């Protein structure tokens, strides 16, 4: 069910997660920035309600490490 963040689609709403931070419903915003949390990044994950942003996760520091389709999640933390 959970897949590596590098394979996350950027064309629809998904869940992204990190074991230290939790799971959030997000969408990719290719023009968004957050210089405080993700300096220099253009394009970040944005919560569906706009309450938070997250980096790409590809650098292993500023973002999620897993994703799943919204309809697949049971909010179980079944990390490989």
C-alpha atoms as a PDB file:
ATOM      1  CA  UNK A   1       0.000   0.000   0.000  1.00  0.00           C
ATOM      2  CA  UNK A   2       2.701   2.600   0.915  1.00  0.00           C
ATOM      3  CA  UNK A   3       5.173   3.367  -1.855  1.00  0.00           C
ATOM      4  CA  UNK A   4       8.467   5.320  -1.917  1.00  0.00           C
ATOM      5  CA  UNK A   5       7.942   9.070  -2.229  1.00  0.00           C
ATOM      6  CA  UNK A   6      10.024   9.218  -5.427  1.00  0.00           C
ATOM      7  CA  UNK A   7       7.180   7.436  -7.233  1.00  0.00           C
ATOM      8  CA  UNK A   8       4.415   9.777  -5.979  1.00  0.00           C
ATOM      9  CA  UNK A   9       2.100  11.143  -8.673  1.00  0.00           C
ATOM     10  CA  UNK A  10       1.823  14.902  -8.893  1.00  0.00           C
ATOM     11  CA  UNK A  11      -1.476  15.042 -10.725  1.00  0.00           C
ATOM     12  CA  UNK A  12      -3.956  14.188  -7.945  1.00  0.00           C
ATOM     13  CA  UNK A  13      -4.602  14.305  -4.212  1.00  0.00           C
ATOM     14  CA  UNK A  14      -2.702  11.665  -2.221  1.00  0.00           C
ATOM     15  CA  UNK A  15      -1.607  10.844   1.309  1.00  0.00           C
ATOM     16  CA  UNK A  16       2.049  11.391   2.165  1.00  0.00           C
ATOM     17  CA  UNK A  17       3.662  10.229   5.378  1.00  0.00           C
ATOM     18  CA  UNK A  18       6.755  10.070   7.508  1.00  0.00           C
ATOM     19  CA  UNK A  19       6.961   7.899  10.644  1.00  0.00           C
ATOM     20  CA  UNK A  20       8.097  10.848  12.794  1.00  0.00           C
ATOM     21  CA  UNK A  21       5.502  13.325  11.516  1.00  0.00           C
ATOM     22  CA  UNK A  22       2.316  11.502  10.574  1.00  0.00           C
ATOM     23  CA  UNK A  23       0.145  11.237   7.500  1.00  0.00           C
ATOM     24  CA  UNK A  24      -1.384  14.125   5.564  1.00  0.00           C
ATOM     25  CA  UNK A  25      -3.692  14.544   2.586  1.00  0.00           C
ATOM     26  CA  UNK A  26      -1.847  16.755   0.085  1.00  0.00           C
ATOM     27  CA  UNK A  27      -1.583  17.849  -3.499  1.00  0.00           C
ATOM     28  CA  UNK A  28       1.502  18.916  -5.430  1.00  0.00           C
ATOM     29  CA  UNK A  29       1.815  22.627  -6.172  1.00  0.00           C
ATOM     30  CA  UNK A  30       4.517  23.158  -8.762  1.00  0.00           C
ATOM     31  CA  UNK A  31       4.803  26.880  -8.073  1.00  0.00           C
ATOM     32  CA  UNK A  32       4.621  26.887  -4.280  1.00  0.00           C
ATOM     33  CA  UNK A  33       7.581  27.621  -2.031  1.00  0.00           C
ATOM     34  CA  UNK A  34       8.369  27.613   1.683  1.00  0.00           C
ATOM     35  CA  UNK A  35      11.747  29.267   2.236  1.00  0.00           C
ATOM     36  CA  UNK A  36      11.731  28.448   5.937  1.00  0.00           C
ATOM     37  CA  UNK A  37      11.235  24.676   5.654  1.00  0.00           C
ATOM     38  CA  UNK A  38      12.380  24.040   2.090  1.00  0.00           C
ATOM     39  CA  UNK A  39      14.850  26.759   1.100  1.00  0.00           C
ATOM     40  CA  UNK A  40      15.404  26.968  -2.630  1.00  0.00           C
ATOM     41  CA  UNK A  41      12.704  24.439  -3.524  1.00  0.00           C
ATOM     42  CA  UNK A  42      10.056  25.461  -6.032  1.00  0.00           C
ATOM     43  CA  UNK A  43       7.267  22.917  -6.036  1.00  0.00           C
ATOM     44  CA  UNK A  44       6.178  21.378  -2.735  1.00  0.00           C
ATOM     45  CA  UNK A  45       3.403  19.268  -1.220  1.00  0.00           C
ATOM     46  CA  UNK A  46       0.571  21.407   0.155  1.00  0.00           C
ATOM     47  CA  UNK A  47      -2.107  20.139   2.569  1.00  0.00           C
ATOM     48  CA  UNK A  48      -5.575  20.047   1.018  1.00  0.00           C
ATOM     49  CA  UNK A  49      -6.758  22.650   3.531  1.00  0.00           C
ATOM     50  CA  UNK A  50      -3.642  24.793   2.983  1.00  0.00           C
ATOM     51  CA  UNK A  51      -2.580  24.439   6.615  1.00  0.00           C
ATOM     52  CA  UNK A  52       0.907  23.092   5.966  1.00  0.00           C
ATOM     53  CA  UNK A  53       3.520  22.447   3.327  1.00  0.00           C
ATOM     54  CA  UNK A  54       6.144  19.779   2.921  1.00  0.00           C
ATOM     55  CA  UNK A  55       9.210  19.482   0.710  1.00  0.00           C
ATOM     56  CA  UNK A  56       9.623  16.834  -1.926  1.00  0.00           C
ATOM     57  CA  UNK A  57      11.015  14.279   0.491  1.00  0.00           C
ATOM     58  CA  UNK A  58      13.654  13.305  -2.025  1.00  0.00           C
ATOM     59  CA  UNK A  59      16.442  14.775   0.113  1.00  0.00           C
ATOM     60  CA  UNK A  60      15.363  12.616   3.097  1.00  0.00           C
ATOM     61  CA  UNK A  61      15.209  15.677   5.377  1.00  0.00           C
ATOM     62  CA  UNK A  62      12.449  18.041   4.325  1.00  0.00           C
ATOM     63  CA  UNK A  63       9.494  15.888   3.545  1.00  0.00           C
ATOM     64  CA  UNK A  64       7.631  12.625   3.509  1.00  0.00           C
ATOM     65  CA  UNK A  65       9.186   9.281   2.693  1.00  0.00           C
ATOM     66  CA  UNK A  66       6.027   7.390   1.649  1.00  0.00           C
ATOM     67  CA  UNK A  67       2.783   7.971  -0.215  1.00  0.00           C
ATOM     68  CA  UNK A  68      -0.450   6.119  -1.004  1.00  0.00           C
ATOM     69  CA  UNK A  69      -3.663   6.745  -2.867  1.00  0.00           C
ATOM     70  CA  UNK A  70      -6.321   8.361  -0.719  1.00  0.00           C
ATOM     71  CA  UNK A  71      -8.749   5.506  -1.323  1.00  0.00           C
ATOM     72  CA  UNK A  72      -6.108   2.906  -0.292  1.00  0.00           C
ATOM     73  CA  UNK A  73      -5.214   4.285   3.119  1.00  0.00           C
ATOM     74  CA  UNK A  74      -6.540   2.817   6.316  1.00  0.00           C
ATOM     75  CA  UNK A  75      -4.118   4.990   8.310  1.00  0.00           C
ATOM     76  CA  UNK A  76      -2.247   1.863   9.308  1.00  0.00           C
ATOM     77  CA  UNK A  77       1.501   2.324   9.513  1.00  0.00           C
ATOM     78  CA  UNK A  78       2.570  -0.683   7.500  1.00  0.00           C
ATOM     79  CA  UNK A  79       6.032   0.511   6.549  1.00  0.00           C
ATOM     80  CA  UNK A  80       8.191  -1.997   4.742  1.00  0.00           C
END
